[in-house]
Amino acid sequence: MFDAYDAHREREDALANENAPMSEHVAEYTRNHGALRPEAAWISSPFDTWEANPFFVGPRPPHPESDPDEIDAWYDAQEAQAGGSV
């Protein structure tokens, strides 16, 4: 019979989650928040990192912490490619 509350299973699940590598926590956060914001190319995690949004579609802009000149050049190239309407 199915027991709705299985203390042993709950403890094992909690321990497995606590022992997961940080990269798994970051990836899960990115997937969850990226699905909610597919228009965002980058997701800022609570672990003080920027992660590429796996749900973003389109040309990915440079990393948010890139050199400002690199970011400006990317947006200028996108504007030129779009005919001046970015």
N, C-alpha and C. Protein backbone atom coordinates (compact mmCIF):
# COMPACT_ATOMS: atom_id res chain seq x y z
N MET A 1 0.84 -1.18 0.00
CA MET A 1 0.00 0.00 0.00
C MET A 1 0.89 1.25 0.00
N PHE A 2 0.43 2.29 -0.64
CA PHE A 2 1.18 3.54 -0.72
C PHE A 2 1.02 4.34 0.56
N ASP A 3 2.14 4.75 1.13
CA ASP A 3 2.11 5.57 2.33
C ASP A 3 2.43 7.01 1.91
N ALA A 4 1.52 7.94 2.15
CA ALA A 4 1.71 9.33 1.74
C ALA A 4 2.91 9.97 2.44
N TYR A 5 3.21 9.51 3.62
CA TYR A 5 4.34 10.08 4.36
C TYR A 5 5.33 8.97 4.67
N ASP A 6 6.44 9.01 4.00
CA ASP A 6 7.49 8.03 4.22
C ASP A 6 8.70 8.79 4.74
N ALA A 7 8.87 8.78 6.06
CA ALA A 7 9.93 9.56 6.70
C ALA A 7 11.31 9.17 6.19
N HIS A 8 11.53 7.89 6.00
CA HIS A 8 12.84 7.44 5.51
C HIS A 8 13.11 8.00 4.11
N ARG A 9 12.11 7.91 3.24
CA ARG A 9 12.28 8.42 1.87
C ARG A 9 12.50 9.94 1.87
N GLU A 10 11.74 10.65 2.71
CA GLU A 10 11.89 12.10 2.80
C GLU A 10 13.30 12.47 3.25
N ARG A 11 13.82 11.74 4.24
CA ARG A 11 15.18 12.01 4.73
C ARG A 11 16.21 11.74 3.63
N GLU A 12 16.07 10.63 2.93
CA GLU A 12 17.01 10.29 1.86
C GLU A 12 16.98 11.34 0.74
N ASP A 13 15.78 11.79 0.38
CA ASP A 13 15.67 12.83 -0.66
C ASP A 13 16.33 14.13 -0.21
N ALA A 14 16.12 14.50 1.06
CA ALA A 14 16.71 15.73 1.58
C ALA A 14 18.23 15.64 1.58
N LEU A 15 18.76 14.52 2.00
CA LEU A 15 20.22 14.33 2.01
C LEU A 15 20.79 14.35 0.59
N ALA A 16 20.09 13.75 -0.34
CA ALA A 16 20.56 13.74 -1.72
C ALA A 16 20.59 15.17 -2.26
N ASN A 17 19.61 15.97 -1.93
CA ASN A 17 19.56 17.35 -2.39
C ASN A 17 20.68 18.18 -1.75
N GLU A 18 20.92 17.97 -0.46
CA GLU A 18 21.98 18.70 0.24
C GLU A 18 23.36 18.35 -0.31
N ASN A 19 23.52 17.12 -0.78
CA ASN A 19 24.82 16.67 -1.25
C ASN A 19 25.03 16.90 -2.74
N ALA A 20 24.05 17.46 -3.40
CA ALA A 20 24.19 17.71 -4.84
C ALA A 20 25.27 18.78 -5.05
N PRO A 21 26.07 18.63 -6.09
CA PRO A 21 27.08 19.64 -6.37
C PRO A 21 26.44 21.01 -6.64
N MET A 22 27.15 22.06 -6.32
CA MET A 22 26.64 23.41 -6.51
C MET A 22 26.21 23.63 -7.96
N SER A 23 26.94 23.03 -8.90
CA SER A 23 26.61 23.21 -10.31
C SER A 23 25.20 22.70 -10.62
N GLU A 24 24.77 21.65 -9.92
CA GLU A 24 23.40 21.15 -10.13
C GLU A 24 22.37 22.13 -9.61
N HIS A 25 22.66 22.77 -8.48
CA HIS A 25 21.75 23.77 -7.94
C HIS A 25 21.65 24.96 -8.90
N VAL A 26 22.78 25.41 -9.41
CA VAL A 26 22.79 26.54 -10.34
C VAL A 26 22.03 26.19 -11.62
N ALA A 27 22.26 24.99 -12.14
CA ALA A 27 21.58 24.56 -13.37
C ALA A 27 20.07 24.48 -13.15
N GLU A 28 19.65 23.97 -12.01
CA GLU A 28 18.22 23.88 -11.73
C GLU A 28 17.61 25.27 -11.62
N TYR A 29 18.28 26.17 -10.92
CA TYR A 29 17.79 27.54 -10.79
C TYR A 29 17.66 28.18 -12.17
N THR A 30 18.69 28.00 -13.01
CA THR A 30 18.69 28.59 -14.35
C THR A 30 17.54 28.04 -15.19
N ARG A 31 17.33 26.74 -15.14
CA ARG A 31 16.21 26.15 -15.90
C ARG A 31 14.87 26.69 -15.41
N ASN A 32 14.68 26.71 -14.10
CA ASN A 32 13.40 27.17 -13.55
C ASN A 32 13.11 28.62 -13.89
N HIS A 33 14.09 29.48 -13.70
CA HIS A 33 13.87 30.90 -13.95
C HIS A 33 13.95 31.24 -15.43
N GLY A 34 14.75 30.50 -16.17
CA GLY A 34 14.82 30.71 -17.61
C GLY A 34 13.52 30.38 -18.30
N ALA A 35 12.82 29.36 -17.82
CA ALA A 35 11.52 29.00 -18.40
C ALA A 35 10.50 30.11 -18.17
N LEU A 36 10.63 30.82 -17.06
CA LEU A 36 9.72 31.92 -16.76
C LEU A 36 10.05 33.18 -17.53
N ARG A 37 11.31 33.32 -17.97
CA ARG A 37 11.76 34.52 -18.68
C ARG A 37 12.53 34.14 -19.94
N PRO A 38 11.86 33.54 -20.92
CA PRO A 38 12.57 33.10 -22.13
C PRO A 38 13.15 34.25 -22.96
N GLU A 39 12.68 35.47 -22.72
CA GLU A 39 13.21 36.62 -23.45
C GLU A 39 14.56 37.09 -22.91
N ALA A 40 14.95 36.62 -21.74
CA ALA A 40 16.23 37.02 -21.12
C ALA A 40 17.34 36.07 -21.58
N ALA A 41 18.38 36.63 -22.17
CA ALA A 41 19.50 35.81 -22.64
C ALA A 41 20.33 35.27 -21.48
N TRP A 42 20.39 36.04 -20.40
CA TRP A 42 21.21 35.66 -19.25
C TRP A 42 20.37 35.71 -17.99
N ILE A 43 20.60 34.77 -17.10
CA ILE A 43 19.90 34.69 -15.81
C ILE A 43 20.92 34.93 -14.71
N SER A 44 20.62 35.88 -13.83
CA SER A 44 21.48 36.14 -12.68
C SER A 44 21.05 35.21 -11.55
N SER A 45 21.97 34.36 -11.13
CA SER A 45 21.62 33.39 -10.10
C SER A 45 21.90 33.96 -8.71
N PRO A 46 21.29 33.38 -7.68
CA PRO A 46 21.57 33.82 -6.32
C PRO A 46 22.95 33.38 -5.85
N PHE A 47 23.67 32.68 -6.71
CA PHE A 47 25.02 32.22 -6.37
C PHE A 47 26.07 33.17 -6.94
N ASP A 48 25.62 34.39 -7.31
CA ASP A 48 26.49 35.44 -7.82
C ASP A 48 27.16 35.07 -9.13
N THR A 49 26.39 34.44 -10.01
CA THR A 49 26.89 34.09 -11.34
C THR A 49 25.83 34.44 -12.38
N TRP A 50 26.28 34.67 -13.60
CA TRP A 50 25.38 34.85 -14.74
C TRP A 50 25.40 33.55 -15.52
N GLU A 51 24.22 33.04 -15.84
CA GLU A 51 24.10 31.79 -16.57
C GLU A 51 23.33 32.02 -17.86
N ALA A 52 23.75 31.34 -18.92
CA ALA A 52 23.04 31.43 -20.19
C ALA A 52 21.67 30.75 -20.04
N ASN A 53 20.63 31.45 -20.48
CA ASN A 53 19.27 30.92 -20.38
C ASN A 53 19.06 29.87 -21.47
N PRO A 54 18.78 28.62 -21.09
CA PRO A 54 18.60 27.58 -22.10
C PRO A 54 17.32 27.76 -22.92
N PHE A 55 16.42 28.62 -22.50
CA PHE A 55 15.17 28.85 -23.21
C PHE A 55 15.22 30.07 -24.14
N PHE A 56 16.31 30.80 -24.10
CA PHE A 56 16.45 31.98 -24.94
C PHE A 56 16.64 31.57 -26.39
N VAL A 57 15.93 32.24 -27.28
CA VAL A 57 16.04 31.98 -28.71
C VAL A 57 16.49 33.26 -29.39
N GLY A 58 17.48 33.15 -30.25
CA GLY A 58 17.97 34.32 -30.97
C GLY A 58 19.44 34.51 -30.75
N PRO A 59 19.98 35.55 -31.37
CA PRO A 59 21.41 35.81 -31.17
C PRO A 59 21.67 36.22 -29.72
N ARG A 60 22.57 35.50 -29.08
CA ARG A 60 22.85 35.77 -27.67
C ARG A 60 23.80 36.95 -27.52
N PRO A 61 23.37 37.97 -26.77
CA PRO A 61 24.27 39.10 -26.53
C PRO A 61 25.46 38.68 -25.67
N PRO A 62 26.49 39.49 -25.65
CA PRO A 62 27.65 39.16 -24.81
C PRO A 62 27.25 39.02 -23.34
N HIS A 63 28.10 38.36 -22.62
CA HIS A 63 27.92 38.20 -21.17
C HIS A 63 27.71 39.58 -20.54
N PRO A 64 26.79 39.70 -19.58
CA PRO A 64 26.51 41.01 -18.97
C PRO A 64 27.72 41.69 -18.34
N GLU A 65 28.73 40.94 -17.97
CA GLU A 65 29.91 41.54 -17.36
C GLU A 65 31.05 41.70 -18.37
N SER A 66 30.72 41.59 -19.65
CA SER A 66 31.73 41.78 -20.69
C SER A 66 32.17 43.23 -20.71
N ASP A 67 33.26 43.46 -21.43
CA ASP A 67 33.75 44.81 -21.62
C ASP A 67 32.66 45.66 -22.27
N PRO A 68 32.39 46.86 -21.75
CA PRO A 68 31.33 47.71 -22.32
C PRO A 68 31.50 47.97 -23.82
N ASP A 69 32.73 48.06 -24.28
CA ASP A 69 32.95 48.27 -25.71
C ASP A 69 32.49 47.06 -26.52
N GLU A 70 32.72 45.87 -25.99
CA GLU A 70 32.27 44.65 -26.66
C GLU A 70 30.74 44.59 -26.73
N ILE A 71 30.10 44.98 -25.64
CA ILE A 71 28.63 44.99 -25.60
C ILE A 71 28.09 46.01 -26.61
N ASP A 72 28.67 47.23 -26.61
CA ASP A 72 28.23 48.26 -27.55
C ASP A 72 28.43 47.81 -28.99
N ALA A 73 29.55 47.17 -29.27
CA ALA A 73 29.83 46.69 -30.63
C ALA A 73 28.82 45.63 -31.04
N TRP A 74 28.45 44.75 -30.13
CA TRP A 74 27.47 43.72 -30.46
C TRP A 74 26.12 44.34 -30.80
N TYR A 75 25.67 45.29 -29.96
CA TYR A 75 24.38 45.94 -30.23
C TYR A 75 24.43 46.76 -31.51
N ASP A 76 25.55 47.42 -31.78
CA ASP A 76 25.70 48.18 -33.03
C ASP A 76 25.60 47.24 -34.23
N ALA A 77 26.22 46.06 -34.13
CA ALA A 77 26.18 45.08 -35.23
C ALA A 77 24.76 44.57 -35.42
N GLN A 78 24.05 44.32 -34.32
CA GLN A 78 22.66 43.87 -34.42
C GLN A 78 21.78 44.93 -35.06
N GLU A 79 22.02 46.19 -34.69
CA GLU A 79 21.25 47.29 -35.26
C GLU A 79 21.51 47.43 -36.75
N ALA A 80 22.77 47.33 -37.13
CA ALA A 80 23.13 47.43 -38.55
C ALA A 80 22.52 46.27 -39.35
N GLN A 81 22.54 45.10 -38.76
CA GLN A 81 21.99 43.93 -39.43
C GLN A 81 20.48 44.04 -39.59
N ALA A 82 19.82 44.66 -38.60
CA ALA A 82 18.36 44.79 -38.64
C ALA A 82 17.92 46.01 -39.44
N GLY A 83 18.87 46.76 -39.92
CA GLY A 83 18.52 47.96 -40.69
C GLY A 83 18.23 49.16 -39.82
N GLY A 84 18.82 49.18 -38.62
CA GLY A 84 18.70 50.35 -37.76
C GLY A 84 17.50 50.33 -36.82
N SER A 85 16.90 49.18 -36.60
CA SER A 85 15.72 49.15 -35.74
C SER A 85 15.85 48.14 -34.61
N VAL A 86 16.84 48.32 -33.75
CA VAL A 86 16.98 47.43 -32.58
C VAL A 86 16.47 48.15 -31.36
